[in-house]
C-alpha cells in the first residue's frame, strides 16, 4: 500500500497565473503528442498524463477563480 502525500502552498495572484498558464501549455504539448505520435506507447502515456494534468489544472483554476476572480485565467500579455 502506498502513502498519499499532500503539499499545501500559498500563491500570490501572479504566481497562480503563471502556474495556470504553464499547465495550459503542458496540456497543449501532451495533446499534440497524443494526436501526432507514431509510437502507440508514447501516445497512450501522453493521453494518460493529459488527464492527470487536466484534473490538476481544474482544481487549481477553480480555487484561483474563487480567490482572485475570473481574470486569473487571462494569460494575455496585454494590460488587463
N, C-alpha and C. Protein backbone atom coordinates (compact mmCIF):
# COMPACT_ATOMS: atom_id res chain seq x y z
N UNK A 1 0.84 -1.17 0.00
CA UNK A 1 0.00 0.00 0.00
C UNK A 1 0.90 1.24 0.00
N UNK A 2 0.58 2.18 -0.86
CA UNK A 2 1.38 3.40 -0.92
C UNK A 2 0.74 4.49 -0.09
N UNK A 3 1.58 5.39 0.37
CA UNK A 3 1.12 6.51 1.17
C UNK A 3 0.91 7.71 0.25
N UNK A 4 -0.26 8.31 0.34
CA UNK A 4 -0.53 9.51 -0.44
C UNK A 4 -0.08 10.70 0.38
N UNK A 5 0.78 11.50 -0.21
CA UNK A 5 1.28 12.68 0.47
C UNK A 5 0.62 13.92 -0.11
N UNK A 6 0.58 14.95 0.69
CA UNK A 6 -0.09 16.18 0.27
C UNK A 6 0.80 17.37 0.62
N UNK A 7 0.83 18.33 -0.29
CA UNK A 7 1.59 19.55 -0.06
C UNK A 7 0.62 20.73 -0.18
N UNK A 8 0.66 21.61 0.77
CA UNK A 8 -0.17 22.81 0.72
C UNK A 8 0.75 23.99 0.47
N UNK A 9 0.34 24.86 -0.48
CA UNK A 9 1.15 26.03 -0.79
C UNK A 9 0.27 27.26 -0.85
N UNK A 10 0.90 28.40 -0.78
CA UNK A 10 0.22 29.68 -0.88
C UNK A 10 0.81 30.41 -2.09
N UNK A 11 -0.05 30.92 -2.97
CA UNK A 11 0.41 31.60 -4.17
C UNK A 11 -0.16 33.00 -4.25
N UNK A 12 0.66 33.94 -4.63
CA UNK A 12 0.18 35.28 -4.96
C UNK A 12 -0.54 35.20 -6.29
N UNK A 13 -1.31 36.22 -6.64
CA UNK A 13 -2.08 36.17 -7.88
C UNK A 13 -1.20 35.94 -9.11
N UNK A 14 -0.08 36.63 -9.22
CA UNK A 14 0.78 36.47 -10.39
C UNK A 14 1.42 35.08 -10.43
N UNK A 15 1.69 34.51 -9.28
CA UNK A 15 2.26 33.16 -9.23
C UNK A 15 1.22 32.14 -9.68
N UNK A 16 -0.01 32.30 -9.21
CA UNK A 16 -1.08 31.39 -9.62
C UNK A 16 -1.30 31.48 -11.13
N UNK A 17 -1.27 32.70 -11.68
CA UNK A 17 -1.47 32.88 -13.12
C UNK A 17 -0.35 32.16 -13.90
N UNK A 18 0.88 32.27 -13.44
CA UNK A 18 2.00 31.60 -14.12
C UNK A 18 1.82 30.09 -14.08
N UNK A 19 1.42 29.56 -12.95
CA UNK A 19 1.21 28.11 -12.83
C UNK A 19 0.08 27.66 -13.76
N UNK A 20 -1.03 28.40 -13.76
CA UNK A 20 -2.15 28.05 -14.63
C UNK A 20 -1.76 28.13 -16.11
N UNK A 21 -1.02 29.15 -16.48
CA UNK A 21 -0.58 29.28 -17.86
C UNK A 21 0.35 28.13 -18.24
N UNK A 22 1.25 27.77 -17.34
CA UNK A 22 2.17 26.65 -17.59
C UNK A 22 1.42 25.34 -17.76
N UNK A 23 0.41 25.12 -16.92
CA UNK A 23 -0.40 23.91 -17.05
C UNK A 23 -1.16 23.89 -18.38
N UNK A 24 -1.65 25.04 -18.80
CA UNK A 24 -2.34 25.14 -20.08
C UNK A 24 -1.40 24.78 -21.23
N UNK A 25 -0.18 25.27 -21.19
CA UNK A 25 0.81 24.95 -22.23
C UNK A 25 1.18 23.47 -22.19
N UNK A 26 1.30 22.91 -21.01
CA UNK A 26 1.62 21.49 -20.88
C UNK A 26 0.49 20.63 -21.44
N UNK A 27 -0.74 21.03 -21.21
CA UNK A 27 -1.88 20.30 -21.78
C UNK A 27 -1.81 20.31 -23.30
N UNK A 28 -1.48 21.45 -23.89
CA UNK A 28 -1.36 21.53 -25.35
C UNK A 28 -0.25 20.61 -25.86
N UNK A 29 0.89 20.60 -25.15
CA UNK A 29 2.02 19.75 -25.54
C UNK A 29 1.63 18.28 -25.48
N UNK A 30 0.98 17.87 -24.41
CA UNK A 30 0.58 16.47 -24.26
C UNK A 30 -0.47 16.08 -25.30
N UNK A 31 -1.40 16.97 -25.57
CA UNK A 31 -2.42 16.71 -26.58
C UNK A 31 -1.78 16.52 -27.95
N UNK A 32 -0.80 17.35 -28.26
CA UNK A 32 -0.10 17.25 -29.53
C UNK A 32 0.63 15.90 -29.66
N UNK A 33 1.30 15.51 -28.61
CA UNK A 33 1.99 14.21 -28.62
C UNK A 33 0.98 13.08 -28.82
N UNK A 34 -0.11 13.13 -28.08
CA UNK A 34 -1.12 12.10 -28.16
C UNK A 34 -1.71 11.98 -29.57
N UNK A 35 -1.89 13.12 -30.22
CA UNK A 35 -2.53 13.13 -31.54
C UNK A 35 -1.57 12.86 -32.69
N UNK A 36 -0.27 13.09 -32.49
CA UNK A 36 0.66 13.00 -33.62
C UNK A 36 1.72 11.91 -33.51
N UNK A 37 1.92 11.36 -32.33
CA UNK A 37 2.98 10.37 -32.15
C UNK A 37 2.66 9.08 -32.91
N UNK A 38 3.67 8.55 -33.55
CA UNK A 38 3.53 7.26 -34.23
C UNK A 38 3.80 6.10 -33.28
N UNK A 39 4.34 6.41 -32.12
CA UNK A 39 4.62 5.40 -31.09
C UNK A 39 3.37 5.28 -30.22
N UNK A 40 2.71 4.12 -30.28
CA UNK A 40 1.46 3.92 -29.54
C UNK A 40 1.64 4.08 -28.03
N UNK A 41 2.77 3.60 -27.51
CA UNK A 41 3.01 3.72 -26.06
C UNK A 41 3.18 5.18 -25.66
N UNK A 42 3.92 5.93 -26.45
CA UNK A 42 4.13 7.34 -26.17
C UNK A 42 2.81 8.10 -26.23
N UNK A 43 2.00 7.80 -27.24
CA UNK A 43 0.70 8.46 -27.40
C UNK A 43 -0.20 8.14 -26.22
N UNK A 44 -0.22 6.89 -25.79
CA UNK A 44 -1.07 6.49 -24.66
C UNK A 44 -0.59 7.14 -23.36
N UNK A 45 0.71 7.18 -23.16
CA UNK A 45 1.26 7.81 -21.96
C UNK A 45 0.93 9.30 -21.93
N UNK A 46 1.05 9.95 -23.07
CA UNK A 46 0.71 11.38 -23.16
C UNK A 46 -0.78 11.58 -22.87
N UNK A 47 -1.61 10.70 -23.36
CA UNK A 47 -3.04 10.79 -23.10
C UNK A 47 -3.37 10.64 -21.62
N UNK A 48 -2.71 9.69 -20.97
CA UNK A 48 -2.92 9.49 -19.53
C UNK A 48 -2.42 10.70 -18.74
N UNK A 49 -1.24 11.20 -19.11
CA UNK A 49 -0.69 12.38 -18.44
C UNK A 49 -1.60 13.58 -18.65
N UNK A 50 -2.18 13.70 -19.83
CA UNK A 50 -3.10 14.80 -20.13
C UNK A 50 -4.25 14.80 -19.13
N UNK A 51 -4.82 13.64 -18.88
CA UNK A 51 -5.95 13.55 -17.95
C UNK A 51 -5.55 13.97 -16.54
N UNK A 52 -4.36 13.58 -16.11
CA UNK A 52 -3.88 13.94 -14.77
C UNK A 52 -3.64 15.44 -14.66
N UNK A 53 -2.99 16.02 -15.68
CA UNK A 53 -2.70 17.45 -15.66
C UNK A 53 -3.99 18.25 -15.76
N UNK A 54 -4.94 17.78 -16.56
CA UNK A 54 -6.22 18.47 -16.69
C UNK A 54 -6.95 18.50 -15.34
N UNK A 55 -6.88 17.42 -14.61
CA UNK A 55 -7.51 17.37 -13.29
C UNK A 55 -6.85 18.36 -12.33
N UNK A 56 -5.53 18.40 -12.35
CA UNK A 56 -4.79 19.35 -11.50
C UNK A 56 -5.16 20.78 -11.87
N UNK A 57 -5.17 21.09 -13.16
CA UNK A 57 -5.49 22.45 -13.60
C UNK A 57 -6.91 22.82 -13.19
N UNK A 58 -7.83 21.90 -13.33
CA UNK A 58 -9.23 22.17 -12.97
C UNK A 58 -9.36 22.52 -11.49
N UNK A 59 -8.69 21.75 -10.63
CA UNK A 59 -8.75 22.02 -9.19
C UNK A 59 -8.12 23.36 -8.84
N UNK A 60 -6.94 23.62 -9.40
CA UNK A 60 -6.24 24.86 -9.11
C UNK A 60 -7.00 26.06 -9.66
N UNK A 61 -7.49 25.94 -10.88
CA UNK A 61 -8.21 27.04 -11.51
C UNK A 61 -9.49 27.38 -10.74
N UNK A 62 -10.18 26.37 -10.30
CA UNK A 62 -11.41 26.58 -9.54
C UNK A 62 -11.14 27.38 -8.27
N UNK A 63 -10.12 27.00 -7.55
CA UNK A 63 -9.79 27.72 -6.32
C UNK A 63 -9.26 29.11 -6.62
N UNK A 64 -8.44 29.24 -7.67
CA UNK A 64 -7.88 30.54 -8.02
C UNK A 64 -8.98 31.53 -8.43
N UNK A 65 -9.97 31.06 -9.17
CA UNK A 65 -11.07 31.93 -9.58
C UNK A 65 -11.86 32.38 -8.35
N UNK A 66 -12.06 31.49 -7.41
CA UNK A 66 -12.77 31.84 -6.18
C UNK A 66 -12.03 32.94 -5.42
N UNK A 67 -10.73 32.87 -5.39
CA UNK A 67 -9.93 33.82 -4.62
C UNK A 67 -9.63 35.11 -5.40
N UNK A 68 -9.20 34.96 -6.66
CA UNK A 68 -8.72 36.11 -7.43
C UNK A 68 -9.70 36.64 -8.47
N UNK A 69 -10.72 35.86 -8.79
CA UNK A 69 -11.68 36.27 -9.81
C UNK A 69 -11.34 35.67 -11.17
N UNK A 70 -12.26 35.84 -12.10
CA UNK A 70 -12.14 35.25 -13.45
C UNK A 70 -10.90 35.72 -14.20
N UNK A 71 -10.42 36.94 -13.91
CA UNK A 71 -9.28 37.47 -14.64
C UNK A 71 -8.01 36.65 -14.44
N UNK A 72 -7.99 35.77 -13.44
CA UNK A 72 -6.82 34.93 -13.20
C UNK A 72 -6.57 33.99 -14.38
N UNK A 73 -7.61 33.75 -15.19
CA UNK A 73 -7.48 32.86 -16.34
C UNK A 73 -7.05 33.60 -17.61
N UNK A 74 -6.83 34.91 -17.50
CA UNK A 74 -6.42 35.71 -18.65
C UNK A 74 -4.90 35.68 -18.75
N UNK A 75 -4.37 35.03 -19.78
CA UNK A 75 -2.92 34.91 -19.95
C UNK A 75 -2.40 35.86 -21.01
N UNK A 76 -3.24 36.79 -21.44
CA UNK A 76 -2.86 37.75 -22.45
C UNK A 76 -1.71 38.62 -21.94
N UNK A 77 -0.85 39.04 -22.84
CA UNK A 77 0.25 39.92 -22.48
C UNK A 77 -0.19 41.38 -22.49
N UNK A 78 -1.42 41.62 -22.95
CA UNK A 78 -1.96 42.98 -22.95
C UNK A 78 -2.34 43.36 -21.53
N UNK A 79 -2.39 44.67 -21.28
CA UNK A 79 -2.78 45.15 -19.97
C UNK A 79 -4.21 44.75 -19.66
N UNK A 80 -4.44 44.35 -18.43
CA UNK A 80 -5.78 43.93 -18.00
C UNK A 80 -6.55 45.14 -17.54
